[in-house]
Amino acid sequence: MGLARLCRPANLPTAAADILAGIAISCFFSGIASEDYFLVDTGAITLLVFSSVFLYAGGVVLNDVFDAKLDAVERPERPIPSGVVSIKEAAALGAILILLGCALAVFVSDMSGYIAIILAATIYIYDAIAKQHAFFGPLVMGICRGLNLLLGISVLGELPIVWIATIPVLYIFAITLISRGEVHGDNKKHIVMAGIMYAFVLVLIATGVAVHSTNLPIAAPFLLFFAVMIYSPLLKAYKQNSPEHIKKAVMAGVLSLIVMDACWAAGFSNWYIALGILLLLPISIMLSKLFAVT
């Protein structure tokens, strides 16, 4: 149970959702019917999904390894400071998961392998160095999420579009800003900044879909749901600026990554693939009741 807690099971479906959204985007810009691809090349899809999940899990495990001393003070209930899992065990698990994630991606295509390796290096940079910095921490974490979306887009062995991966960077930057108040609260300024970034994310997704496809009416309900999911807890956290409400806003932001991915699928594929991605949300919510999200 301790090792499972280290892997943040509730967050793992969000990594899988990135891959599925990336595949839908790749098919659209490569002129392939995404519904046909999802039915035919299940092997590549499965490999990339598990590659992403392993990379994410390895990253959060190593995050707790590097944070062991700080968690002993601020989050003593976590597996390592509570003594449920040793640092050596956690470090070994994190390394194995990262290596597995890279290996699985290599079997899909050279491009996927390169992106997975870059993602693994970026994860390590965040865990070991960048998260100590107020600006570079959120930026590098966002880059990790952008690279994860690119990992899905690389399924066909090329990158037909890249700029879309900058949007998760902005979104994760916003969530990370909010999380600065999880322990002590008192972060209204960061919440306002995050709210503005959220608005940019919504506008950029809608604009990207409108410019490249005719699916904005299909994507609109998903975008509305996305807005409700992220802003409702954010407003509560602003009004009641306590660690409890801030943590709920962060959790909602993380789990809503699945909804953002559904928006991409609705915009560049069709509603039923978007709905399939959205069905990962109740899985994440259920797991969040058993395991910590942050």
C-alpha atoms as a PDB file:
ATOM      1  CA  MET A   1       0.000   0.000   0.000  1.00  0.00           C
ATOM      2  CA  GLY A   2       2.859   2.395   0.789  1.00  0.00           C
ATOM      3  CA  LEU A   3       4.433   1.930  -2.655  1.00  0.00           C
ATOM      4  CA  ALA A   4       1.037   2.445  -4.286  1.00  0.00           C
ATOM      5  CA  ARG A   5       0.533   5.683  -2.352  1.00  0.00           C
ATOM      6  CA  LEU A   6       3.883   6.948  -3.627  1.00  0.00           C
ATOM      7  CA  CYS A   7       2.697   6.516  -7.230  1.00  0.00           C
ATOM      8  CA  ARG A   8      -0.368   8.798  -6.772  1.00  0.00           C
ATOM      9  CA  PRO A   9      -2.836   6.353  -8.452  1.00  0.00           C
ATOM     10  CA  ALA A  10      -5.537   9.016  -8.775  1.00  0.00           C
ATOM     11  CA  ASN A  11      -3.260  11.082 -11.028  1.00  0.00           C
ATOM     12  CA  LEU A  12      -2.258   8.285 -13.384  1.00  0.00           C
ATOM     13  CA  PRO A  13      -5.416   8.389 -15.553  1.00  0.00           C
ATOM     14  CA  THR A  14      -4.549  12.016 -16.346  1.00  0.00           C
ATOM     15  CA  ALA A  15      -1.298  10.824 -17.936  1.00  0.00           C
ATOM     16  CA  ALA A  16      -3.189   8.250 -20.006  1.00  0.00           C
ATOM     17  CA  ALA A  17      -5.682  10.928 -21.079  1.00  0.00           C
ATOM     18  CA  ASP A  18      -2.819  13.060 -22.452  1.00  0.00           C
ATOM     19  CA  ILE A  19      -1.741  10.181 -24.670  1.00  0.00           C
ATOM     20  CA  LEU A  20      -5.239   9.511 -25.993  1.00  0.00           C
ATOM     21  CA  ALA A  21      -5.754  13.206 -26.725  1.00  0.00           C
ATOM     22  CA  GLY A  22      -2.342  13.408 -28.390  1.00  0.00           C
ATOM     23  CA  ILE A  23      -3.167  10.454 -30.622  1.00  0.00           C
ATOM     24  CA  ALA A  24      -6.459  12.070 -31.678  1.00  0.00           C
ATOM     25  CA  ILE A  25      -4.607  15.301 -32.472  1.00  0.00           C
ATOM     26  CA  SER A  26      -1.917  13.446 -34.435  1.00  0.00           C
ATOM     27  CA  CYS A  27      -4.483  11.558 -36.512  1.00  0.00           C
ATOM     28  CA  PHE A  28      -6.336  14.786 -37.332  1.00  0.00           C
ATOM     29  CA  PHE A  29      -3.259  16.643 -38.555  1.00  0.00           C
ATOM     30  CA  SER A  30      -1.989  13.566 -40.427  1.00  0.00           C
ATOM     31  CA  GLY A  31      -5.288  13.119 -42.274  1.00  0.00           C
ATOM     32  CA  ILE A  32      -6.179   9.817 -40.598  1.00  0.00           C
ATOM     33  CA  ALA A  33      -9.613   8.975 -39.224  1.00  0.00           C
ATOM     34  CA  SER A  34      -8.914   8.743 -35.494  1.00  0.00           C
ATOM     35  CA  GLU A  35     -11.807   6.353 -34.872  1.00  0.00           C
ATOM     36  CA  ASP A  36     -10.236   3.897 -37.314  1.00  0.00           C
ATOM     37  CA  TYR A  37      -6.790   4.266 -35.753  1.00  0.00           C
ATOM     38  CA  PHE A  38      -8.069   3.656 -32.228  1.00  0.00           C
ATOM     39  CA  LEU A  39      -9.651   0.416 -33.432  1.00  0.00           C
ATOM     40  CA  VAL A  40      -6.684  -0.832 -35.470  1.00  0.00           C
ATOM     41  CA  ASP A  41      -3.383   0.067 -33.798  1.00  0.00           C
ATOM     42  CA  THR A  42      -4.196  -0.857 -30.216  1.00  0.00           C
ATOM     43  CA  GLY A  43      -0.638  -2.098 -29.646  1.00  0.00           C
ATOM     44  CA  ALA A  44       0.999   1.294 -30.117  1.00  0.00           C
ATOM     45  CA  ILE A  45      -1.734   3.000 -28.103  1.00  0.00           C
ATOM     46  CA  THR A  46      -1.311   0.571 -25.211  1.00  0.00           C
ATOM     47  CA  LEU A  47       2.473   0.942 -25.202  1.00  0.00           C
ATOM     48  CA  LEU A  48       2.308   4.737 -25.128  1.00  0.00           C
ATOM     49  CA  VAL A  49      -0.377   4.792 -22.441  1.00  0.00           C
ATOM     50  CA  PHE A  50       1.687   2.566 -20.156  1.00  0.00           C
ATOM     51  CA  SER A  51       4.867   4.466 -21.049  1.00  0.00           C
ATOM     52  CA  SER A  52       3.226   7.697 -19.924  1.00  0.00           C
ATOM     53  CA  VAL A  53       1.747   6.160 -16.781  1.00  0.00           C
ATOM     54  CA  PHE A  54       5.105   4.669 -15.762  1.00  0.00           C
ATOM     55  CA  LEU A  55       6.944   7.939 -16.415  1.00  0.00           C
ATOM     56  CA  TYR A  56       4.400   9.880 -14.368  1.00  0.00           C
ATOM     57  CA  ALA A  57       4.443   7.372 -11.521  1.00  0.00           C
ATOM     58  CA  GLY A  58       8.241   7.295 -11.504  1.00  0.00           C
ATOM     59  CA  GLY A  59       8.325  11.080 -11.421  1.00  0.00           C
ATOM     60  CA  VAL A  60       6.058  11.447  -8.392  1.00  0.00           C
ATOM     61  CA  VAL A  61       7.899   8.672  -6.554  1.00  0.00           C
ATOM     62  CA  LEU A  62      11.239  10.420  -7.090  1.00  0.00           C
ATOM     63  CA  ASN A  63       9.592  13.691  -6.078  1.00  0.00           C
ATOM     64  CA  ASP A  64       8.878  12.200  -2.656  1.00  0.00           C
ATOM     65  CA  VAL A  65      12.425  10.844  -2.465  1.00  0.00           C
ATOM     66  CA  PHE A  66      13.881  14.314  -2.946  1.00  0.00           C
ATOM     67  CA  ASP A  67      11.287  15.835  -0.601  1.00  0.00           C
ATOM     68  CA  ALA A  68      11.799  13.325   2.223  1.00  0.00           C
ATOM     69  CA  LYS A  69      13.348  15.799   4.668  1.00  0.00           C
ATOM     70  CA  LEU A  70      10.819  18.537   3.955  1.00  0.00           C
ATOM     71  CA  ASP A  71       7.906  16.089   4.152  1.00  0.00           C
ATOM     72  CA  ALA A  72       9.130  14.928   7.566  1.00  0.00           C
ATOM     73  CA  VAL A  73       8.194  18.426   8.762  1.00  0.00           C
ATOM     74  CA  GLU A  74       5.285  19.472   6.532  1.00  0.00           C
ATOM     75  CA  ARG A  75       3.702  16.157   5.466  1.00  0.00           C
ATOM     76  CA  PRO A  76       4.775  13.496   7.984  1.00  0.00           C
ATOM     77  CA  GLU A  77       1.875  11.254   6.943  1.00  0.00           C
ATOM     78  CA  ARG A  78       3.480  10.505   3.557  1.00  0.00           C
ATOM     79  CA  PRO A  79       4.927   6.984   3.056  1.00  0.00           C
ATOM     80  CA  ILE A  80       8.629   7.873   3.350  1.00  0.00           C
ATOM     81  CA  PRO A  81       8.632  10.145   6.436  1.00  0.00           C
ATOM     82  CA  SER A  82       6.101   7.883   8.159  1.00  0.00           C
ATOM     83  CA  GLY A  83       8.485   4.933   7.719  1.00  0.00           C
ATOM     84  CA  VAL A  84       6.142   2.837   5.572  1.00  0.00           C
ATOM     85  CA  VAL A  85       8.628   2.906   2.678  1.00  0.00           C
ATOM     86  CA  SER A  86      12.378   3.477   2.897  1.00  0.00           C
ATOM     87  CA  ILE A  87      14.151   6.046   0.741  1.00  0.00           C
ATOM     88  CA  LYS A  88      16.156   3.274  -0.959  1.00  0.00           C
ATOM     89  CA  GLU A  89      13.017   1.335  -1.842  1.00  0.00           C
ATOM     90  CA  ALA A  90      11.329   4.462  -3.185  1.00  0.00           C
ATOM     91  CA  ALA A  91      14.390   5.495  -5.214  1.00  0.00           C
ATOM     92  CA  ALA A  92      14.654   2.034  -6.763  1.00  0.00           C
ATOM     93  CA  LEU A  93      10.940   2.009  -7.618  1.00  0.00           C
ATOM     94  CA  GLY A  94      11.125   5.458  -9.193  1.00  0.00           C
ATOM     95  CA  ALA A  95      14.144   4.548 -11.322  1.00  0.00           C
ATOM     96  CA  ILE A  96      12.575   1.287 -12.522  1.00  0.00           C
ATOM     97  CA  LEU A  97       9.330   3.026 -13.490  1.00  0.00           C
ATOM     98  CA  ILE A  98      11.180   5.745 -15.421  1.00  0.00           C
ATOM     99  CA  LEU A  99      13.266   3.176 -17.310  1.00  0.00           C
ATOM    100  CA  LEU A 100      10.188   1.104 -18.137  1.00  0.00           C
ATOM    101  CA  GLY A 101       8.414   4.202 -19.421  1.00  0.00           C
ATOM    102  CA  CYS A 102      11.284   5.052 -21.763  1.00  0.00           C
ATOM    103  CA  ALA A 103      11.656   1.453 -22.962  1.00  0.00           C
ATOM    104  CA  LEU A 104       7.987   1.093 -23.885  1.00  0.00           C
ATOM    105  CA  ALA A 105       8.036   4.340 -25.892  1.00  0.00           C
ATOM    106  CA  VAL A 106      11.043   3.166 -27.921  1.00  0.00           C
ATOM    107  CA  PHE A 107       8.995   0.209 -29.173  1.00  0.00           C
ATOM    108  CA  VAL A 108       6.422   2.582 -30.706  1.00  0.00           C
ATOM    109  CA  SER A 109       8.758   4.778 -32.768  1.00  0.00           C
ATOM    110  CA  ASP A 110      12.138   6.491 -32.592  1.00  0.00           C
ATOM    111  CA  MET A 111      10.361   9.825 -32.148  1.00  0.00           C
ATOM    112  CA  SER A 112       8.360   8.487 -29.205  1.00  0.00           C
ATOM    113  CA  GLY A 113      11.543   7.127 -27.663  1.00  0.00           C
ATOM    114  CA  TYR A 114      13.346  10.456 -27.981  1.00  0.00           C
ATOM    115  CA  ILE A 115      10.442  12.345 -26.401  1.00  0.00           C
ATOM    116  CA  ALA A 116      10.168   9.828 -23.541  1.00  0.00           C
ATOM    117  CA  ILE A 117      13.884  10.179 -22.783  1.00  0.00           C
ATOM    118  CA  ILE A 118      13.655  13.984 -22.852  1.00  0.00           C
ATOM    119  CA  LEU A 119      10.580  13.776 -20.631  1.00  0.00           C
ATOM    120  CA  ALA A 120      12.399  11.505 -18.177  1.00  0.00           C
ATOM    121  CA  ALA A 121      15.313  13.958 -17.997  1.00  0.00           C
ATOM    122  CA  THR A 122      12.940  16.881 -17.484  1.00  0.00           C
ATOM    123  CA  ILE A 123      11.127  14.999 -14.710  1.00  0.00           C
ATOM    124  CA  TYR A 124      14.449  14.459 -12.935  1.00  0.00           C
ATOM    125  CA  ILE A 125      15.403  18.126 -13.354  1.00  0.00           C
ATOM    126  CA  TYR A 126      12.101  19.158 -11.796  1.00  0.00           C
ATOM    127  CA  ASP A 127      12.342  16.726  -8.876  1.00  0.00           C
ATOM    128  CA  ALA A 128      15.988  17.396  -8.084  1.00  0.00           C
ATOM    129  CA  ILE A 129      16.443  21.081  -8.877  1.00  0.00           C
ATOM    130  CA  ALA A 130      13.715  23.161 -10.500  1.00  0.00           C
ATOM    131  CA  LYS A 131      10.930  22.756  -7.932  1.00  0.00           C
ATOM    132  CA  GLN A 132      12.991  24.776  -5.461  1.00  0.00           C
ATOM    133  CA  HIS A 133      12.463  27.875  -7.633  1.00  0.00           C
ATOM    134  CA  ALA A 134       9.238  29.899  -7.629  1.00  0.00           C
ATOM    135  CA  PHE A 135       9.291  30.447 -11.404  1.00  0.00           C
ATOM    136  CA  PHE A 136      11.272  27.566 -12.864  1.00  0.00           C
ATOM    137  CA  GLY A 137       9.472  24.955 -10.757  1.00  0.00           C
ATOM    138  CA  PRO A 138       6.018  25.537 -12.260  1.00  0.00           C
ATOM    139  CA  LEU A 139       7.566  26.088 -15.703  1.00  0.00           C
ATOM    140  CA  VAL A 140       9.480  22.793 -15.749  1.00  0.00           C
ATOM    141  CA  MET A 141       6.523  20.864 -14.358  1.00  0.00           C
ATOM    142  CA  GLY A 142       4.389  22.358 -17.134  1.00  0.00           C
ATOM    143  CA  ILE A 143       6.983  21.362 -19.713  1.00  0.00           C
ATOM    144  CA  CYS A 144       6.730  17.802 -18.427  1.00  0.00           C
ATOM    145  CA  ARG A 145       2.984  17.807 -19.111  1.00  0.00           C
ATOM    146  CA  GLY A 146       3.506  19.373 -22.543  1.00  0.00           C
ATOM    147  CA  LEU A 147       6.053  16.687 -23.408  1.00  0.00           C
ATOM    148  CA  ASN A 148       3.577  14.041 -22.270  1.00  0.00           C
ATOM    149  CA  LEU A 149       1.022  15.373 -24.757  1.00  0.00           C
ATOM    150  CA  LEU A 150       3.733  15.348 -27.445  1.00  0.00           C
ATOM    151  CA  LEU A 151       4.419  11.722 -26.542  1.00  0.00           C
ATOM    152  CA  GLY A 152       0.866  10.926 -27.621  1.00  0.00           C
ATOM    153  CA  ILE A 153       1.156  13.096 -30.730  1.00  0.00           C
ATOM    154  CA  SER A 154       4.314  11.165 -31.700  1.00  0.00           C
ATOM    155  CA  VAL A 155       2.409   7.878 -32.095  1.00  0.00           C
ATOM    156  CA  LEU A 156       2.774   7.953 -35.906  1.00  0.00           C
ATOM    157  CA  GLY A 157       6.522   8.573 -35.716  1.00  0.00           C
ATOM    158  CA  GLU A 158       6.359  12.307 -36.399  1.00  0.00           C
ATOM    159  CA  LEU A 159       5.132  15.542 -34.844  1.00  0.00           C
ATOM    160  CA  PRO A 160       2.580  17.088 -37.227  1.00  0.00           C
ATOM    161  CA  ILE A 161       1.904  19.890 -34.728  1.00  0.00           C
ATOM    162  CA  VAL A 162       3.872  21.113 -31.722  1.00  0.00           C
ATOM    163  CA  TRP A 163       2.441  24.417 -30.476  1.00  0.00           C
ATOM    164  CA  ILE A 164      -0.513  22.701 -28.799  1.00  0.00           C
ATOM    165  CA  ALA A 165       1.902  21.288 -26.215  1.00  0.00           C
ATOM    166  CA  THR A 166       2.524  24.810 -24.883  1.00  0.00           C
ATOM    167  CA  ILE A 167      -1.024  25.019 -23.500  1.00  0.00           C
ATOM    168  CA  PRO A 168      -0.546  22.302 -20.832  1.00  0.00           C
ATOM    169  CA  VAL A 169       2.600  24.206 -19.788  1.00  0.00           C
ATOM    170  CA  LEU A 170       0.501  27.277 -18.983  1.00  0.00           C
ATOM    171  CA  TYR A 171      -2.178  25.188 -17.272  1.00  0.00           C
ATOM    172  CA  ILE A 172       0.227  23.284 -15.037  1.00  0.00           C
ATOM    173  CA  PHE A 173       2.016  26.532 -14.207  1.00  0.00           C
ATOM    174  CA  ALA A 174      -1.337  27.817 -12.906  1.00  0.00           C
ATOM    175  CA  ILE A 175      -1.983  24.705 -10.797  1.00  0.00           C
ATOM    176  CA  THR A 176       1.507  24.827  -9.330  1.00  0.00           C
ATOM    177  CA  LEU A 177       1.003  28.456  -8.351  1.00  0.00           C
ATOM    178  CA  ILE A 178      -2.172  27.511  -6.493  1.00  0.00           C
ATOM    179  CA  SER A 179      -0.390  24.653  -4.709  1.00  0.00           C
ATOM    180  CA  ARG A 180       2.033  27.108  -3.101  1.00  0.00           C
ATOM    181  CA  GLY A 181      -0.603  27.632  -0.407  1.00  0.00           C
ATOM    182  CA  GLU A 182      -1.390  24.006   0.355  1.00  0.00           C
ATOM    183  CA  VAL A 183       0.533  23.985   3.627  1.00  0.00           C
ATOM    184  CA  HIS A 184       0.085  27.507   4.996  1.00  0.00           C
ATOM    185  CA  GLY A 185      -2.758  29.042   2.954  1.00  0.00           C
ATOM    186  CA  ASP A 186      -2.737  32.809   2.327  1.00  0.00           C
ATOM    187  CA  ASN A 187      -2.128  32.746  -1.445  1.00  0.00           C
ATOM    188  CA  LYS A 188      -4.900  34.914  -2.894  1.00  0.00           C
ATOM    189  CA  LYS A 189      -2.474  36.643  -5.263  1.00  0.00           C
ATOM    190  CA  HIS A 190      -1.452  33.292  -6.757  1.00  0.00           C
ATOM    191  CA  ILE A 191      -5.085  32.252  -7.069  1.00  0.00           C
ATOM    192  CA  VAL A 192      -5.890  35.391  -9.067  1.00  0.00           C
ATOM    193  CA  MET A 193      -2.908  34.779 -11.351  1.00  0.00           C
ATOM    194  CA  ALA A 194      -3.985  31.152 -11.804  1.00  0.00           C
ATOM    195  CA  GLY A 195      -7.523  32.237 -12.666  1.00  0.00           C
ATOM    196  CA  ILE A 196      -6.177  34.504 -15.417  1.00  0.00           C
ATOM    197  CA  MET A 197      -4.006  31.676 -16.760  1.00  0.00           C
ATOM    198  CA  TYR A 198      -6.993  29.328 -16.738  1.00  0.00           C
ATOM    199  CA  ALA A 199      -8.880  31.860 -18.878  1.00  0.00           C
ATOM    200  CA  PHE A 200      -5.998  31.978 -21.366  1.00  0.00           C
ATOM    201  CA  VAL A 201      -6.002  28.175 -21.548  1.00  0.00           C
ATOM    202  CA  LEU A 202      -9.723  28.064 -22.336  1.00  0.00           C
ATOM    203  CA  VAL A 203      -9.388  30.771 -24.995  1.00  0.00           C
ATOM    204  CA  LEU A 204      -6.351  29.107 -26.584  1.00  0.00           C
ATOM    205  CA  ILE A 205      -8.058  25.716 -26.802  1.00  0.00           C
ATOM    206  CA  ALA A 206     -11.200  27.241 -28.319  1.00  0.00           C
ATOM    207  CA  THR A 207      -9.141  29.320 -30.763  1.00  0.00           C
ATOM    208  CA  GLY A 208      -6.984  26.372 -31.799  1.00  0.00           C
ATOM    209  CA  VAL A 209     -10.038  24.235 -32.486  1.00  0.00           C
ATOM    210  CA  ALA A 210     -11.818  27.039 -34.358  1.00  0.00           C
ATOM    211  CA  VAL A 211      -8.794  27.770 -36.558  1.00  0.00           C
ATOM    212  CA  HIS A 212      -7.953  24.187 -37.508  1.00  0.00           C
ATOM    213  CA  SER A 213     -11.298  22.390 -37.536  1.00  0.00           C
ATOM    214  CA  THR A 214     -15.059  22.853 -37.686  1.00  0.00           C
ATOM    215  CA  ASN A 215     -15.649  21.036 -34.393  1.00  0.00           C
ATOM    216  CA  LEU A 216     -15.955  23.998 -32.031  1.00  0.00           C
ATOM    217  CA  PRO A 217     -19.705  23.374 -31.477  1.00  0.00           C
ATOM    218  CA  ILE A 218     -18.848  19.787 -30.491  1.00  0.00           C
ATOM    219  CA  ALA A 219     -16.018  20.920 -28.227  1.00  0.00           C
ATOM    220  CA  ALA A 220     -18.052  23.735 -26.604  1.00  0.00           C
ATOM    221  CA  PRO A 221     -19.912  21.573 -24.009  1.00  0.00           C
ATOM    222  CA  PHE A 222     -16.629  19.955 -22.988  1.00  0.00           C
ATOM    223  CA  LEU A 223     -15.003  23.398 -22.655  1.00  0.00           C
ATOM    224  CA  LEU A 224     -17.913  24.598 -20.512  1.00  0.00           C
ATOM    225  CA  PHE A 225     -17.603  21.556 -18.250  1.00  0.00           C
ATOM    226  CA  PHE A 226     -13.846  22.161 -18.050  1.00  0.00           C
ATOM    227  CA  ALA A 227     -14.432  25.779 -16.970  1.00  0.00           C
ATOM    228  CA  VAL A 228     -16.891  24.747 -14.251  1.00  0.00           C
ATOM    229  CA  MET A 229     -14.553  22.033 -12.975  1.00  0.00           C
ATOM    230  CA  ILE A 230     -11.582  24.357 -12.515  1.00  0.00           C
ATOM    231  CA  TYR A 231     -13.204  27.646 -11.522  1.00  0.00           C
ATOM    232  CA  SER A 232     -15.717  26.414  -8.962  1.00  0.00           C
ATOM    233  CA  PRO A 233     -13.135  25.189  -6.409  1.00  0.00           C
ATOM    234  CA  LEU A 234     -10.789  28.045  -7.320  1.00  0.00           C
ATOM    235  CA  LEU A 235     -13.381  30.644  -6.343  1.00  0.00           C
ATOM    236  CA  LYS A 236     -14.025  28.816  -3.053  1.00  0.00           C
ATOM    237  CA  ALA A 237     -10.289  28.777  -2.363  1.00  0.00           C
ATOM    238  CA  TYR A 238     -10.149  32.521  -2.958  1.00  0.00           C
ATOM    239  CA  LYS A 239     -13.078  33.239  -0.641  1.00  0.00           C
ATOM    240  CA  GLN A 240     -11.888  30.842   2.056  1.00  0.00           C
ATOM    241  CA  ASN A 241      -8.133  30.987   1.626  1.00  0.00           C
ATOM    242  CA  SER A 242      -7.302  27.998   3.798  1.00  0.00           C
ATOM    243  CA  PRO A 243      -5.016  25.024   3.064  1.00  0.00           C
ATOM    244  CA  GLU A 244      -8.075  22.758   2.906  1.00  0.00           C
ATOM    245  CA  HIS A 245      -9.808  24.723   0.134  1.00  0.00           C
ATOM    246  CA  ILE A 246      -6.548  25.376  -1.691  1.00  0.00           C
ATOM    247  CA  LYS A 247      -5.827  21.662  -1.704  1.00  0.00           C
ATOM    248  CA  LYS A 248      -9.276  21.001  -3.191  1.00  0.00           C
ATOM    249  CA  ALA A 249      -8.607  23.579  -5.919  1.00  0.00           C
ATOM    250  CA  VAL A 250      -5.291  21.908  -6.730  1.00  0.00           C
ATOM    251  CA  MET A 251      -6.913  18.474  -6.794  1.00  0.00           C
ATOM    252  CA  ALA A 252      -9.649  19.727  -9.110  1.00  0.00           C
ATOM    253  CA  GLY A 253      -7.048  21.276 -11.390  1.00  0.00           C
ATOM    254  CA  VAL A 254      -5.053  18.055 -11.625  1.00  0.00           C
ATOM    255  CA  LEU A 255      -8.053  15.806 -12.230  1.00  0.00           C
ATOM    256  CA  SER A 256      -9.471  18.286 -14.758  1.00  0.00           C
ATOM    257  CA  LEU A 257      -6.503  17.577 -17.019  1.00  0.00           C
ATOM    258  CA  ILE A 258      -8.676  14.697 -18.209  1.00  0.00           C
ATOM    259  CA  VAL A 259     -11.415  17.154 -19.166  1.00  0.00           C
ATOM    260  CA  MET A 260      -8.909  19.334 -21.020  1.00  0.00           C
ATOM    261  CA  ASP A 261      -7.781  16.284 -22.976  1.00  0.00           C
ATOM    262  CA  ALA A 262     -11.425  15.504 -23.755  1.00  0.00           C
ATOM    263  CA  CYS A 263     -11.721  19.046 -25.147  1.00  0.00           C
ATOM    264  CA  TRP A 264      -8.828  18.371 -27.517  1.00  0.00           C
ATOM    265  CA  ALA A 265     -10.376  15.105 -28.654  1.00  0.00           C
ATOM    266  CA  ALA A 266     -13.764  16.744 -29.219  1.00  0.00           C
ATOM    267  CA  GLY A 267     -12.110  19.520 -31.206  1.00  0.00           C
ATOM    268  CA  PHE A 268      -9.900  17.355 -33.392  1.00  0.00           C
ATOM    269  CA  SER A 269     -11.698  14.024 -33.456  1.00  0.00           C
ATOM    270  CA  ASN A 270     -15.302  13.384 -32.430  1.00  0.00           C
ATOM    271  CA  TRP A 271     -17.566  13.462 -29.408  1.00  0.00           C
ATOM    272  CA  TYR A 272     -17.466   9.746 -28.596  1.00  0.00           C
ATOM    273  CA  ILE A 273     -13.676   9.565 -28.391  1.00  0.00           C
ATOM    274  CA  ALA A 274     -13.816  12.681 -26.204  1.00  0.00           C
ATOM    275  CA  LEU A 275     -16.450  10.994 -24.059  1.00  0.00           C
ATOM    276  CA  GLY A 276     -14.258   7.886 -23.814  1.00  0.00           C
ATOM    277  CA  ILE A 277     -11.417  10.042 -22.463  1.00  0.00           C
ATOM    278  CA  LEU A 278     -13.821  11.793 -20.101  1.00  0.00           C
ATOM    279  CA  LEU A 279     -14.780   8.417 -18.605  1.00  0.00           C
ATOM    280  CA  LEU A 280     -11.315   8.349 -17.040  1.00  0.00           C
ATOM    281  CA  LEU A 281     -12.468  11.191 -14.762  1.00  0.00           C
ATOM    282  CA  PRO A 282     -14.714   9.107 -12.477  1.00  0.00           C
ATOM    283  CA  ILE A 283     -11.856   6.597 -12.155  1.00  0.00           C
ATOM    284  CA  SER A 284      -9.546   9.391 -10.992  1.00  0.00           C
ATOM    285  CA  ILE A 285     -12.171  10.788  -8.633  1.00  0.00           C
ATOM    286  CA  MET A 286     -12.763   7.348  -7.117  1.00  0.00           C
ATOM    287  CA  LEU A 287      -9.030   6.796  -6.646  1.00  0.00           C
ATOM    288  CA  SER A 288      -8.652  10.293  -5.149  1.00  0.00           C
ATOM    289  CA  LYS A 289     -10.886   9.175  -2.279  1.00  0.00           C
ATOM    290  CA  LEU A 290      -8.386   6.424  -1.492  1.00  0.00           C
ATOM    291  CA  PHE A 291      -5.058   8.046  -2.374  1.00  0.00           C
ATOM    292  CA  ALA A 292      -3.675  11.576  -2.144  1.00  0.00           C
ATOM    293  CA  VAL A 293      -3.556  13.622  -5.346  1.00  0.00           C
ATOM    294  CA  THR A 294      -0.823  16.037  -4.175  1.00  0.00           C
END
